[in-house]
Amino acid sequence: MTAGQIADCILFAVEQPEGMDINHLRMRPTGQVD
């Protein structure tokens, strides 16, 4: 992942409700990159 993609992933995670599964948040950007 590029620095920009990592930043987008962090921003995406921060914007989600606290109850969200962190593993799920990590999976989504990876799927988009592939």
PDB file of N, CA and C in Angstrom:
ATOM      1  N   MET A   1       0.845  -1.206   0.000  1.00  0.00           N
ATOM      2  CA  MET A   1       0.000   0.000   0.000  1.00  0.00           C
ATOM      3  C   MET A   1       0.879   1.254   0.000  1.00  0.00           C
ATOM      4  N   THR A   2       0.417   2.275  -0.683  1.00  0.00           N
ATOM      5  CA  THR A   2       1.135   3.546  -0.667  1.00  0.00           C
ATOM      6  C   THR A   2       0.781   4.312   0.598  1.00  0.00           C
ATOM      7  N   ALA A   3       1.556   5.343   0.885  1.00  0.00           N
ATOM      8  CA  ALA A   3       1.272   6.164   2.067  1.00  0.00           C
ATOM      9  C   ALA A   3      -0.134   6.753   1.982  1.00  0.00           C
ATOM     10  N   GLY A   4      -0.529   7.160   0.784  1.00  0.00           N
ATOM     11  CA  GLY A   4      -1.860   7.722   0.595  1.00  0.00           C
ATOM     12  C   GLY A   4      -2.951   6.720   0.907  1.00  0.00           C
ATOM     13  N   GLN A   5      -2.746   5.465   0.485  1.00  0.00           N
ATOM     14  CA  GLN A   5      -3.750   4.428   0.736  1.00  0.00           C
ATOM     15  C   GLN A   5      -3.846   4.125   2.226  1.00  0.00           C
ATOM     16  N   ILE A   6      -2.698   4.112   2.904  1.00  0.00           N
ATOM     17  CA  ILE A   6      -2.693   3.881   4.350  1.00  0.00           C
ATOM     18  C   ILE A   6      -3.432   5.017   5.057  1.00  0.00           C
ATOM     19  N   ALA A   7      -3.184   6.253   4.617  1.00  0.00           N
ATOM     20  CA  ALA A   7      -3.870   7.404   5.215  1.00  0.00           C
ATOM     21  C   ALA A   7      -5.373   7.291   4.998  1.00  0.00           C
ATOM     22  N   ASP A   8      -5.776   6.888   3.798  1.00  0.00           N
ATOM     23  CA  ASP A   8      -7.203   6.718   3.510  1.00  0.00           C
ATOM     24  C   ASP A   8      -7.801   5.637   4.404  1.00  0.00           C
ATOM     25  N   CYS A   9      -7.061   4.570   4.629  1.00  0.00           N
ATOM     26  CA  CYS A   9      -7.534   3.476   5.479  1.00  0.00           C
ATOM     27  C   CYS A   9      -7.739   3.977   6.904  1.00  0.00           C
ATOM     28  N   ILE A  10      -6.789   4.763   7.398  1.00  0.00           N
ATOM     29  CA  ILE A  10      -6.889   5.307   8.753  1.00  0.00           C
ATOM     30  C   ILE A  10      -8.096   6.238   8.857  1.00  0.00           C
ATOM     31  N   LEU A  11      -8.263   7.119   7.873  1.00  0.00           N
ATOM     32  CA  LEU A  11      -9.400   8.040   7.894  1.00  0.00           C
ATOM     33  C   LEU A  11     -10.706   7.266   7.843  1.00  0.00           C
ATOM     34  N   PHE A  12     -10.754   6.225   7.016  1.00  0.00           N
ATOM     35  CA  PHE A  12     -11.953   5.391   6.917  1.00  0.00           C
ATOM     36  C   PHE A  12     -12.263   4.755   8.267  1.00  0.00           C
ATOM     37  N   ALA A  13     -11.234   4.218   8.924  1.00  0.00           N
ATOM     38  CA  ALA A  13     -11.424   3.555  10.209  1.00  0.00           C
ATOM     39  C   ALA A  13     -11.901   4.547  11.273  1.00  0.00           C
ATOM     40  N   VAL A  14     -11.313   5.728  11.284  1.00  0.00           N
ATOM     41  CA  VAL A  14     -11.664   6.743  12.286  1.00  0.00           C
ATOM     42  C   VAL A  14     -13.119   7.176  12.135  1.00  0.00           C
ATOM     43  N   GLU A  15     -13.611   7.200  10.903  1.00  0.00           N
ATOM     44  CA  GLU A  15     -14.975   7.672  10.651  1.00  0.00           C
ATOM     45  C   GLU A  15     -16.041   6.634  11.000  1.00  0.00           C
ATOM     46  N   GLN A  16     -15.638   5.381  11.210  1.00  0.00           N
ATOM     47  CA  GLN A  16     -16.605   4.327  11.499  1.00  0.00           C
ATOM     48  C   GLN A  16     -17.044   4.366  12.963  1.00  0.00           C
ATOM     49  N   PRO A  17     -18.226   3.811  13.277  1.00  0.00           N
ATOM     50  CA  PRO A  17     -18.666   3.684  14.672  1.00  0.00           C
ATOM     51  C   PRO A  17     -17.669   2.855  15.482  1.00  0.00           C
ATOM     52  N   GLU A  18     -17.592   3.115  16.774  1.00  0.00           N
ATOM     53  CA  GLU A  18     -16.605   2.446  17.625  1.00  0.00           C
ATOM     54  C   GLU A  18     -16.806   0.936  17.671  1.00  0.00           C
ATOM     55  N   GLY A  19     -18.033   0.472  17.421  1.00  0.00           N
ATOM     56  CA  GLY A  19     -18.315  -0.954  17.509  1.00  0.00           C
ATOM     57  C   GLY A  19     -17.823  -1.752  16.305  1.00  0.00           C
ATOM     58  N   MET A  20     -17.306  -1.064  15.295  1.00  0.00           N
ATOM     59  CA  MET A  20     -16.874  -1.711  14.062  1.00  0.00           C
ATOM     60  C   MET A  20     -15.683  -2.634  14.320  1.00  0.00           C
ATOM     61  N   ASP A  21     -15.624  -3.762  13.599  1.00  0.00           N
ATOM     62  CA  ASP A  21     -14.519  -4.710  13.760  1.00  0.00           C
ATOM     63  C   ASP A  21     -13.282  -4.178  13.040  1.00  0.00           C
ATOM     64  N   ILE A  22     -12.178  -4.038  13.770  1.00  0.00           N
ATOM     65  CA  ILE A  22     -10.954  -3.484  13.178  1.00  0.00           C
ATOM     66  C   ILE A  22     -10.454  -4.359  12.030  1.00  0.00           C
ATOM     67  N   ASN A  23     -10.539  -5.677  12.172  1.00  0.00           N
ATOM     68  CA  ASN A  23     -10.092  -6.569  11.105  1.00  0.00           C
ATOM     69  C   ASN A  23     -10.891  -6.328   9.833  1.00  0.00           C
ATOM     70  N   HIS A  24     -12.169  -6.064   9.975  1.00  0.00           N
ATOM     71  CA  HIS A  24     -13.029  -5.780   8.824  1.00  0.00           C
ATOM     72  C   HIS A  24     -12.566  -4.490   8.144  1.00  0.00           C
ATOM     73  N   LEU A  25     -12.183  -3.498   8.937  1.00  0.00           N
ATOM     74  CA  LEU A  25     -11.720  -2.228   8.379  1.00  0.00           C
ATOM     75  C   LEU A  25     -10.433  -2.428   7.583  1.00  0.00           C
ATOM     76  N   ARG A  26      -9.560  -3.306   8.059  1.00  0.00           N
ATOM     77  CA  ARG A  26      -8.298  -3.551   7.357  1.00  0.00           C
ATOM     78  C   ARG A  26      -8.523  -4.313   6.056  1.00  0.00           C
ATOM     79  N   MET A  27      -9.517  -5.187   6.046  1.00  0.00           N
ATOM     80  CA  MET A  27      -9.780  -6.014   4.870  1.00  0.00           C
ATOM     81  C   MET A  27     -10.293  -5.187   3.691  1.00  0.00           C
ATOM     82  N   ARG A  28     -11.138  -4.206   3.936  1.00  0.00           N
ATOM     83  CA  ARG A  28     -11.811  -3.477   2.857  1.00  0.00           C
ATOM     84  C   ARG A  28     -10.841  -2.740   1.925  1.00  0.00           C
ATOM     85  N   PRO A  29      -9.915  -1.917   2.440  1.00  0.00           N
ATOM     86  CA  PRO A  29      -8.996  -1.227   1.533  1.00  0.00           C
ATOM     87  C   PRO A  29      -8.109  -2.202   0.757  1.00  0.00           C
ATOM     88  N   THR A  30      -7.698  -3.304   1.382  1.00  0.00           N
ATOM     89  CA  THR A  30      -6.868  -4.293   0.704  1.00  0.00           C
ATOM     90  C   THR A  30      -7.607  -4.864  -0.495  1.00  0.00           C
ATOM     91  N   GLY A  31      -8.881  -5.150  -0.326  1.00  0.00           N
ATOM     92  CA  GLY A  31      -9.691  -5.683  -1.419  1.00  0.00           C
ATOM     93  C   GLY A  31      -9.796  -4.692  -2.562  1.00  0.00           C
ATOM     94  N   GLN A  32      -9.879  -3.418  -2.240  1.00  0.00           N
ATOM     95  CA  GLN A  32      -9.992  -2.385  -3.266  1.00  0.00           C
ATOM     96  C   GLN A  32      -8.694  -2.265  -4.057  1.00  0.00           C
ATOM     97  N   VAL A  33      -7.556  -2.394  -3.383  1.00  0.00           N
ATOM     98  CA  VAL A  33      -6.258  -2.287  -4.048  1.00  0.00           C
ATOM     99  C   VAL A  33      -6.074  -3.443  -5.025  1.00  0.00           C
ATOM    100  N   ASP A  34      -6.448  -4.653  -4.597  1.00  0.00           N
ATOM    101  CA  ASP A  34      -6.307  -5.823  -5.462  1.00  0.00           C
ATOM    102  C   ASP A  34      -7.238  -5.702  -6.661  1.00  0.00           C
TER     103      ASP A  34
END
